[in-house]
Amino acid sequence: MSNSINNPKMKKSIFTILSITILILAWQLLTMLVRLPELVPSIPHLFSTLVALFASGSFYQSVMATVLRGTIGMSISLMAAMGGFMNYFVRYWPSCVPFRSFHLYSWL
């Protein structure tokens, strides 16, 4: 029995479960002390709202729109960075002379 308590994986999982339990209890205590559900919602209300959010279709549409906007933004920044790289490459490497006729952002 004492061997299982000294197991590092067991200790880690016990500390994790204990920490989450303390956090949930502290949140619930704060909810009871503050008494403003708009500011600090109770744990049951929080979970029910979260379940309702995951059940709605608009949540996943919003997530996909956010991911798409992030991907587009990263692509634009990559193209801008590559444009600066191509500008350096064309300017300082004589073998790239044929590319000098292209405007820096003409491929965007």
Protein backbone atom coordinates (compact mmCIF):
# COMPACT_ATOMS: atom_id res chain seq x y z
CA MET A 1 0.00 0.00 0.00
CA SER A 2 2.76 2.45 0.87
CA ASN A 3 4.41 1.65 -2.45
CA SER A 4 1.42 3.02 -4.42
CA ILE A 5 1.51 6.33 -2.51
CA ASN A 6 5.17 6.84 -3.37
CA ASN A 7 4.46 6.32 -7.07
CA PRO A 8 5.18 9.69 -8.81
CA LYS A 9 2.32 9.26 -11.31
CA MET A 10 -0.12 8.55 -8.50
CA LYS A 11 1.10 11.60 -6.54
CA LYS A 12 0.75 13.80 -9.60
CA SER A 13 -2.79 12.66 -10.31
CA ILE A 14 -3.83 13.03 -6.65
CA PHE A 15 -2.39 16.57 -6.52
CA THR A 16 -4.13 17.43 -9.80
CA ILE A 17 -7.51 16.19 -8.60
CA LEU A 18 -7.04 17.90 -5.23
CA SER A 19 -6.07 21.20 -6.90
CA ILE A 20 -9.08 21.14 -9.23
CA THR A 21 -11.39 20.34 -6.32
CA ILE A 22 -9.99 23.22 -4.24
CA LEU A 23 -10.33 25.58 -7.21
CA ILE A 24 -13.97 24.59 -7.77
CA LEU A 25 -14.78 24.97 -4.06
CA ALA A 26 -13.07 28.37 -3.92
CA TRP A 27 -15.02 29.49 -7.01
CA GLN A 28 -18.30 28.38 -5.43
CA LEU A 29 -17.42 30.12 -2.16
CA LEU A 30 -16.61 33.31 -4.07
CA THR A 31 -19.96 33.03 -5.85
CA MET A 32 -21.79 32.80 -2.54
CA LEU A 33 -19.86 35.73 -1.07
CA VAL A 34 -20.18 38.08 -4.04
CA ARG A 35 -23.84 37.26 -4.91
CA LEU A 36 -23.54 38.76 -8.39
CA PRO A 37 -24.23 35.95 -10.88
CA GLU A 38 -23.37 38.19 -13.85
CA LEU A 39 -19.90 38.79 -12.43
CA VAL A 40 -19.11 35.38 -10.89
CA PRO A 41 -21.56 32.67 -12.02
CA SER A 42 -22.06 29.56 -9.94
CA ILE A 43 -20.43 26.29 -11.03
CA PRO A 44 -23.73 24.55 -11.98
CA HIS A 45 -24.86 27.59 -13.97
CA LEU A 46 -21.45 27.78 -15.64
CA PHE A 47 -21.55 24.11 -16.71
CA SER A 48 -25.15 24.31 -17.96
CA THR A 49 -24.31 27.38 -20.04
CA LEU A 50 -21.22 25.65 -21.39
CA VAL A 51 -23.23 22.57 -22.40
CA ALA A 52 -25.84 24.77 -24.10
CA LEU A 53 -23.08 26.61 -25.94
CA PHE A 54 -21.53 23.38 -27.23
CA ALA A 55 -24.97 22.13 -28.28
CA SER A 56 -25.67 25.18 -30.45
CA GLY A 57 -24.56 25.27 -34.07
CA SER A 58 -23.63 28.94 -34.00
CA PHE A 59 -20.76 28.24 -31.60
CA TYR A 60 -18.98 26.03 -34.11
CA GLN A 61 -19.61 28.55 -36.90
CA SER A 62 -18.01 31.26 -34.77
CA VAL A 63 -15.03 29.02 -33.96
CA MET A 64 -14.51 28.18 -37.63
CA ALA A 65 -14.78 31.86 -38.62
CA THR A 66 -12.16 32.75 -36.01
CA VAL A 67 -9.82 29.98 -37.17
CA LEU A 68 -10.31 31.07 -40.81
CA ARG A 69 -9.54 34.71 -39.95
CA GLY A 70 -6.41 33.65 -38.09
CA THR A 71 -5.28 31.48 -41.01
CA ILE A 72 -5.86 34.29 -43.48
CA GLY A 73 -3.96 36.75 -41.28
CA MET A 74 -1.01 34.38 -40.91
CA SER A 75 -0.99 33.77 -44.67
CA ILE A 76 -0.94 37.50 -45.37
CA SER A 77 1.93 38.02 -42.94
CA LEU A 78 3.82 35.09 -44.48
CA MET A 79 3.38 36.59 -47.96
CA ALA A 80 4.55 39.98 -46.71
CA ALA A 81 7.60 38.38 -45.11
CA MET A 82 8.37 36.41 -48.24
CA GLY A 83 8.01 39.61 -50.24
CA GLY A 84 10.69 41.24 -48.12
CA PHE A 85 12.85 38.14 -48.47
CA MET A 86 12.40 38.13 -52.25
CA ASN A 87 13.31 41.82 -52.35
CA TYR A 88 16.59 41.04 -50.55
CA PHE A 89 17.17 37.96 -52.69
CA VAL A 90 16.65 39.83 -55.97
CA ARG A 91 18.73 42.82 -54.93
CA TYR A 92 21.84 41.06 -53.70
CA TRP A 93 22.04 37.90 -55.80
CA PRO A 94 23.02 38.64 -59.41
CA SER A 95 21.66 35.30 -60.63
CA CYS A 96 18.17 36.59 -59.91
CA VAL A 97 18.37 39.49 -62.37
CA PRO A 98 15.39 38.24 -64.42
CA PHE A 99 13.19 38.64 -61.34
CA ARG A 100 14.06 42.32 -60.95
CA SER A 101 11.43 43.25 -63.51
CA PHE A 102 8.66 42.05 -61.17
CA HIS A 103 7.24 44.49 -58.69
CA LEU A 104 7.74 43.44 -55.09
CA TYR A 105 4.05 42.82 -54.35
CA SER A 106 2.85 41.91 -57.83
CA TRP A 107 2.39 38.26 -56.87
CA LEU A 108 0.03 39.09 -53.97
